[in-house]
Amino acid sequence: MIIIPAIDIRGGRCVRLLQGDFRRETVYSGDPVDVARRWAAKGAERIHVVDLDGSREGRPVNDAVIGRILSAVDVPIEVGGGIRELGTVDLYLGMGVRWVILGTAALKNRDFVVEACRRHPGRVILGIDARDGKVAVEGWTEATGADVLDVARQYEGMGLAALVYTDIGRDGMESGVNVPATERLARQIGIPVIASGGVAGIGDIDKLMAAACPGILGVITGKALYTGALDLEEAIARTKKEGEKVRR
């Protein structure tokens, strides 16, 4: 399991939102590039970048900042937010982004997701954001009645690299990862799952590893890193140690 630090960009700055609410924003840095360098120096194996403005506008807004991040670090980058067209997928992958994350498009334009996977196998991640097990879209501002598992199953066998499952109610709250829901999803679909939302500290990393579910690829963490509640180097070391035990 890998630890994936998050960089959420709004107005060119590194911020965190509480439960996806744009009115509840905390700014952690005026320069997301410096933040990316910090996580890279601490051993990050992947960095999760979200264009929050893009998620509301439905198009890239902070792509220039993302380009600077790509130039500054050698760590693979996954990017989400505002990717609603194949041209945007091509743009980001052409810039050097390793994976693009498609969210709202999964419910509103399934053909787009299918074509993106066909054109770029293994380079597309599906982002499913949920409140109480039901999917939310448009930057988490619009609720739907769609069940998480039902949506995920529609995309099995398409060549997705992974699925990011975010519990919106826990995101930015440091209230603990929804391990049972993450594990249940990972065990019932044939797509690797990345947990997101609510990491409070090293205990959440331990709980995810204790689930011993090979379908859980990693966990995204944001606020806990910025507040110091979670030490990235310690978390990475913990996963490496556990991985060594499993291989023995």
Protein backbone atom coordinates (compact mmCIF):
# COMPACT_ATOMS: atom_id res chain seq x y z
CA MET A 1 0.00 0.00 0.00
CA ILE A 2 1.32 3.43 -0.91
CA ILE A 3 0.87 6.76 0.88
CA ILE A 4 -0.18 9.52 -1.52
CA PRO A 5 0.10 13.14 -0.33
CA ALA A 6 -2.52 15.48 -1.73
CA ILE A 7 -2.11 18.95 -3.15
CA ASP A 8 -5.43 20.71 -3.73
CA ILE A 9 -5.10 23.90 -5.76
CA ARG A 10 -7.48 26.83 -5.66
CA GLY A 11 -6.58 30.24 -6.97
CA GLY A 12 -3.02 29.05 -7.51
CA ARG A 13 -2.57 28.21 -3.81
CA CYS A 14 -2.39 24.95 -1.87
CA VAL A 15 -5.56 24.67 0.21
CA ARG A 16 -7.72 22.14 2.02
CA LEU A 17 -11.51 22.15 2.18
CA LEU A 18 -13.66 20.68 4.92
CA GLN A 19 -16.03 18.06 3.47
CA GLY A 20 -15.60 19.54 0.01
CA ASP A 21 -17.16 22.85 1.08
CA PHE A 22 -15.58 25.76 -0.83
CA ARG A 23 -16.69 28.12 1.95
CA ARG A 24 -14.56 26.23 4.50
CA GLU A 25 -11.10 26.65 3.11
CA THR A 26 -7.71 26.69 4.80
CA VAL A 27 -4.70 27.94 2.86
CA TYR A 28 -1.52 25.99 3.65
CA SER A 29 0.84 27.44 1.09
CA GLY A 30 0.95 30.11 -1.56
CA ASP A 31 3.17 27.89 -3.72
CA PRO A 32 1.98 24.34 -4.51
CA VAL A 33 5.30 23.70 -6.27
CA ASP A 34 7.22 24.09 -3.00
CA VAL A 35 4.75 21.71 -1.36
CA ALA A 36 5.33 19.12 -4.09
CA ARG A 37 9.08 19.42 -3.59
CA ARG A 38 8.60 18.87 0.15
CA TRP A 39 6.61 15.66 -0.34
CA ALA A 40 9.06 14.42 -2.96
CA ALA A 41 11.99 15.03 -0.59
CA LYS A 42 10.21 12.98 2.08
CA GLY A 43 9.95 9.96 -0.21
CA ALA A 44 6.49 10.24 -1.77
CA GLU A 45 6.00 7.59 -4.45
CA ARG A 46 3.06 9.42 -6.00
CA ILE A 47 1.41 12.82 -5.56
CA HIS A 48 -2.31 13.50 -5.88
CA VAL A 49 -3.11 16.91 -7.39
CA VAL A 50 -6.60 18.37 -7.69
CA ASP A 51 -7.57 21.49 -9.60
CA LEU A 52 -10.41 22.61 -7.32
CA ASP A 53 -11.28 25.56 -9.53
CA GLY A 54 -11.36 23.20 -12.47
CA SER A 55 -13.78 20.88 -10.68
CA ARG A 56 -16.29 23.74 -10.51
CA GLU A 57 -15.61 25.20 -13.95
CA GLY A 58 -15.52 21.88 -15.78
CA ARG A 59 -12.23 22.73 -17.45
CA PRO A 60 -8.56 23.13 -16.48
CA VAL A 61 -7.94 26.31 -14.50
CA ASN A 62 -4.67 25.66 -12.64
CA ASP A 63 -2.96 23.67 -15.39
CA ALA A 64 -0.04 26.12 -15.49
CA VAL A 65 0.65 25.44 -11.80
CA ILE A 66 0.41 21.71 -12.44
CA GLY A 67 2.92 22.11 -15.26
CA ARG A 68 5.37 23.73 -12.86
CA ILE A 69 4.91 20.87 -10.39
CA LEU A 70 5.70 18.38 -13.14
CA SER A 71 8.88 20.26 -13.95
CA ALA A 72 9.93 20.47 -10.31
CA VAL A 73 9.65 16.83 -9.18
CA ASP A 74 10.30 13.37 -10.61
CA VAL A 75 7.51 11.75 -8.60
CA PRO A 76 4.59 10.38 -10.66
CA ILE A 77 1.60 12.73 -10.53
CA GLU A 78 -2.10 11.94 -10.73
CA VAL A 79 -4.40 14.86 -11.56
CA GLY A 80 -8.12 15.41 -11.16
CA GLY A 81 -10.55 18.29 -11.37
CA GLY A 82 -12.26 19.64 -14.46
CA ILE A 83 -11.32 16.81 -16.82
CA ARG A 84 -14.49 16.46 -18.89
CA GLU A 85 -13.16 16.16 -22.44
CA LEU A 86 -10.73 13.91 -24.29
CA GLY A 87 -8.72 16.96 -25.24
CA THR A 88 -8.07 17.66 -21.56
CA VAL A 89 -7.03 14.05 -20.99
CA ASP A 90 -4.60 14.32 -23.90
CA LEU A 91 -3.36 17.69 -22.63
CA TYR A 92 -2.47 16.46 -19.15
CA LEU A 93 -0.93 13.17 -20.26
CA GLY A 94 1.04 15.05 -22.88
CA MET A 95 2.34 17.39 -20.16
CA GLY A 96 3.74 14.41 -18.28
CA VAL A 97 0.94 13.62 -15.84
CA ARG A 98 1.04 9.86 -15.17
CA TRP A 99 -2.69 9.38 -14.48
CA VAL A 100 -5.79 11.49 -15.01
CA ILE A 101 -8.73 11.19 -12.62
CA LEU A 102 -12.24 11.33 -14.07
CA GLY A 103 -15.08 11.97 -11.66
CA THR A 104 -18.23 13.79 -12.74
CA ALA A 105 -17.79 12.42 -16.26
CA ALA A 106 -18.33 8.88 -14.98
CA LEU A 107 -22.01 9.58 -14.34
CA LYS A 108 -22.70 12.21 -16.96
CA ASN A 109 -20.79 10.87 -19.97
CA ARG A 110 -19.90 7.20 -19.72
CA ASP A 111 -18.83 7.06 -23.38
CA PHE A 112 -16.15 9.64 -22.61
CA VAL A 113 -14.70 7.46 -19.86
CA VAL A 114 -14.80 4.38 -22.10
CA GLU A 115 -13.00 6.20 -24.91
CA ALA A 116 -10.41 7.70 -22.54
CA CYS A 117 -9.61 4.20 -21.25
CA ARG A 118 -9.42 2.83 -24.79
CA ARG A 119 -7.09 5.60 -25.91
CA HIS A 120 -4.93 5.58 -22.77
CA PRO A 121 -5.10 2.14 -21.10
CA GLY A 122 -3.73 2.11 -17.57
CA ARG A 123 -3.55 5.91 -17.43
CA VAL A 124 -7.11 6.66 -16.28
CA ILE A 125 -8.36 6.62 -12.69
CA LEU A 126 -12.04 6.77 -11.80
CA GLY A 127 -12.86 9.08 -8.90
CA ILE A 128 -15.97 8.20 -6.93
CA ASP A 129 -16.91 10.69 -4.23
CA ALA A 130 -19.72 9.72 -1.90
CA ARG A 131 -21.89 10.87 0.98
CA ASP A 132 -23.51 8.05 2.92
CA GLY A 133 -22.71 5.60 0.15
CA LYS A 134 -24.26 7.72 -2.62
CA VAL A 135 -22.21 9.36 -5.35
CA ALA A 136 -21.79 13.15 -5.52
CA VAL A 137 -20.59 15.08 -8.58
CA GLU A 138 -19.70 18.58 -9.83
CA GLY A 139 -17.00 19.21 -7.25
CA TRP A 140 -19.14 17.48 -4.60
CA THR A 141 -21.84 20.14 -4.93
CA GLU A 142 -24.46 17.90 -6.56
CA ALA A 143 -25.79 14.76 -4.88
CA THR A 144 -27.10 11.77 -6.84
CA GLY A 145 -28.96 8.65 -5.86
CA ALA A 146 -26.38 6.36 -7.44
CA ASP A 147 -24.80 3.68 -5.26
CA VAL A 148 -20.99 3.60 -5.15
CA LEU A 149 -20.68 -0.11 -5.89
CA ASP A 150 -23.20 0.01 -8.74
CA VAL A 151 -21.26 2.83 -10.42
CA ALA A 152 -17.90 1.13 -9.91
CA ARG A 153 -19.10 -2.13 -11.42
CA GLN A 154 -20.03 -0.35 -14.65
CA TYR A 155 -16.35 0.29 -15.30
CA GLU A 156 -14.80 -3.09 -14.57
CA GLY A 157 -12.77 -4.58 -17.39
CA MET A 158 -12.10 -1.26 -19.12
CA GLY A 159 -8.45 -0.95 -18.19
CA LEU A 160 -8.76 1.61 -15.40
CA ALA A 161 -5.56 2.05 -13.41
CA ALA A 162 -7.45 2.48 -10.13
CA LEU A 163 -10.50 3.87 -8.41
CA VAL A 164 -10.23 6.68 -5.85
CA TYR A 165 -12.99 6.31 -3.28
CA THR A 166 -13.55 9.47 -1.22
CA ASP A 167 -15.86 9.65 1.77
CA ILE A 168 -16.84 13.33 1.53
CA GLY A 169 -18.19 13.44 5.08
CA ARG A 170 -14.73 12.63 6.39
CA ASP A 171 -12.62 14.60 3.93
CA GLY A 172 -10.52 17.22 5.66
CA MET A 173 -12.02 16.32 9.03
CA GLU A 174 -9.23 14.05 10.35
CA SER A 175 -12.00 11.82 11.71
CA GLY A 176 -10.58 8.54 10.44
CA VAL A 177 -10.71 6.72 7.13
CA ASN A 178 -13.88 4.79 6.35
CA VAL A 179 -12.00 1.51 6.33
CA PRO A 180 -15.05 -0.83 6.26
CA ALA A 181 -16.56 0.87 3.19
CA THR A 182 -13.18 1.01 1.44
CA GLU A 183 -12.46 -2.64 2.14
CA ARG A 184 -15.95 -3.71 1.07
CA LEU A 185 -15.59 -1.90 -2.24
CA ALA A 186 -12.08 -3.25 -2.85
CA ARG A 187 -13.22 -6.82 -2.23
CA GLN A 188 -16.23 -6.58 -4.54
CA ILE A 189 -14.74 -5.04 -7.66
CA GLY A 190 -11.82 -5.96 -9.89
CA ILE A 191 -10.27 -2.48 -9.87
CA PRO A 192 -7.54 -1.42 -7.39
CA VAL A 193 -8.97 1.02 -4.83
CA ILE A 194 -7.28 4.10 -3.37
CA ALA A 195 -8.82 5.27 -0.09
CA SER A 196 -9.40 8.98 0.46
CA GLY A 197 -10.91 11.16 3.12
CA GLY A 198 -10.44 11.43 6.87
CA VAL A 199 -6.88 10.29 7.56
CA ALA A 200 -6.23 11.34 11.16
CA GLY A 201 -2.84 9.80 11.83
CA ILE A 202 -0.70 6.69 11.66
CA GLY A 203 -3.51 4.65 13.18
CA ASP A 204 -5.50 4.93 9.96
CA ILE A 205 -2.56 3.59 8.00
CA ASP A 206 -2.35 0.65 10.38
CA LYS A 207 -6.08 -0.05 10.05
CA LEU A 208 -5.95 -0.07 6.27
CA MET A 209 -2.99 -2.44 6.30
CA ALA A 210 -4.69 -4.63 8.90
CA ALA A 211 -7.58 -5.11 6.48
CA ALA A 212 -5.10 -7.23 4.51
CA CYS A 213 -7.02 -6.54 1.32
CA PRO A 214 -4.82 -6.75 -1.79
CA GLY A 215 -7.36 -4.62 -3.64
CA ILE A 216 -6.45 -1.54 -1.59
CA LEU A 217 -3.67 0.07 -3.59
CA GLY A 218 -3.05 3.12 -1.41
CA VAL A 219 -4.42 6.01 0.61
CA ILE A 220 -4.54 9.73 -0.14
CA THR A 221 -3.83 12.05 2.76
CA GLY A 222 -3.95 15.81 2.89
CA LYS A 223 -4.88 17.75 6.01
CA ALA A 224 -3.20 15.30 8.41
CA LEU A 225 0.11 15.96 6.66
CA TYR A 226 -0.34 19.72 6.70
CA THR A 227 -1.26 19.86 10.39
CA GLY A 228 1.51 17.43 11.37
CA ALA A 229 -0.91 14.79 12.64
CA LEU A 230 0.69 12.35 10.20
CA ASP A 231 4.39 12.20 9.34
CA LEU A 232 4.85 11.19 5.71
CA GLU A 233 8.22 9.53 6.23
CA GLU A 234 6.92 7.52 9.19
CA ALA A 235 3.84 6.43 7.24
CA ILE A 236 5.89 5.33 4.24
CA ALA A 237 8.31 3.45 6.49
CA ARG A 238 5.37 1.68 8.15
CA THR A 239 3.99 0.46 4.83
CA LYS A 240 7.42 -0.68 3.65
CA LYS A 241 7.96 -2.63 6.88
CA GLU A 242 4.57 -4.30 6.54
CA GLY A 243 5.31 -5.12 2.91
CA GLU A 244 8.52 -6.85 3.91
CA LYS A 245 6.61 -9.00 6.42
CA VAL A 246 4.14 -10.06 3.76
CA ARG A 247 6.91 -11.08 1.36
CA ARG A 248 8.67 -13.26 3.93
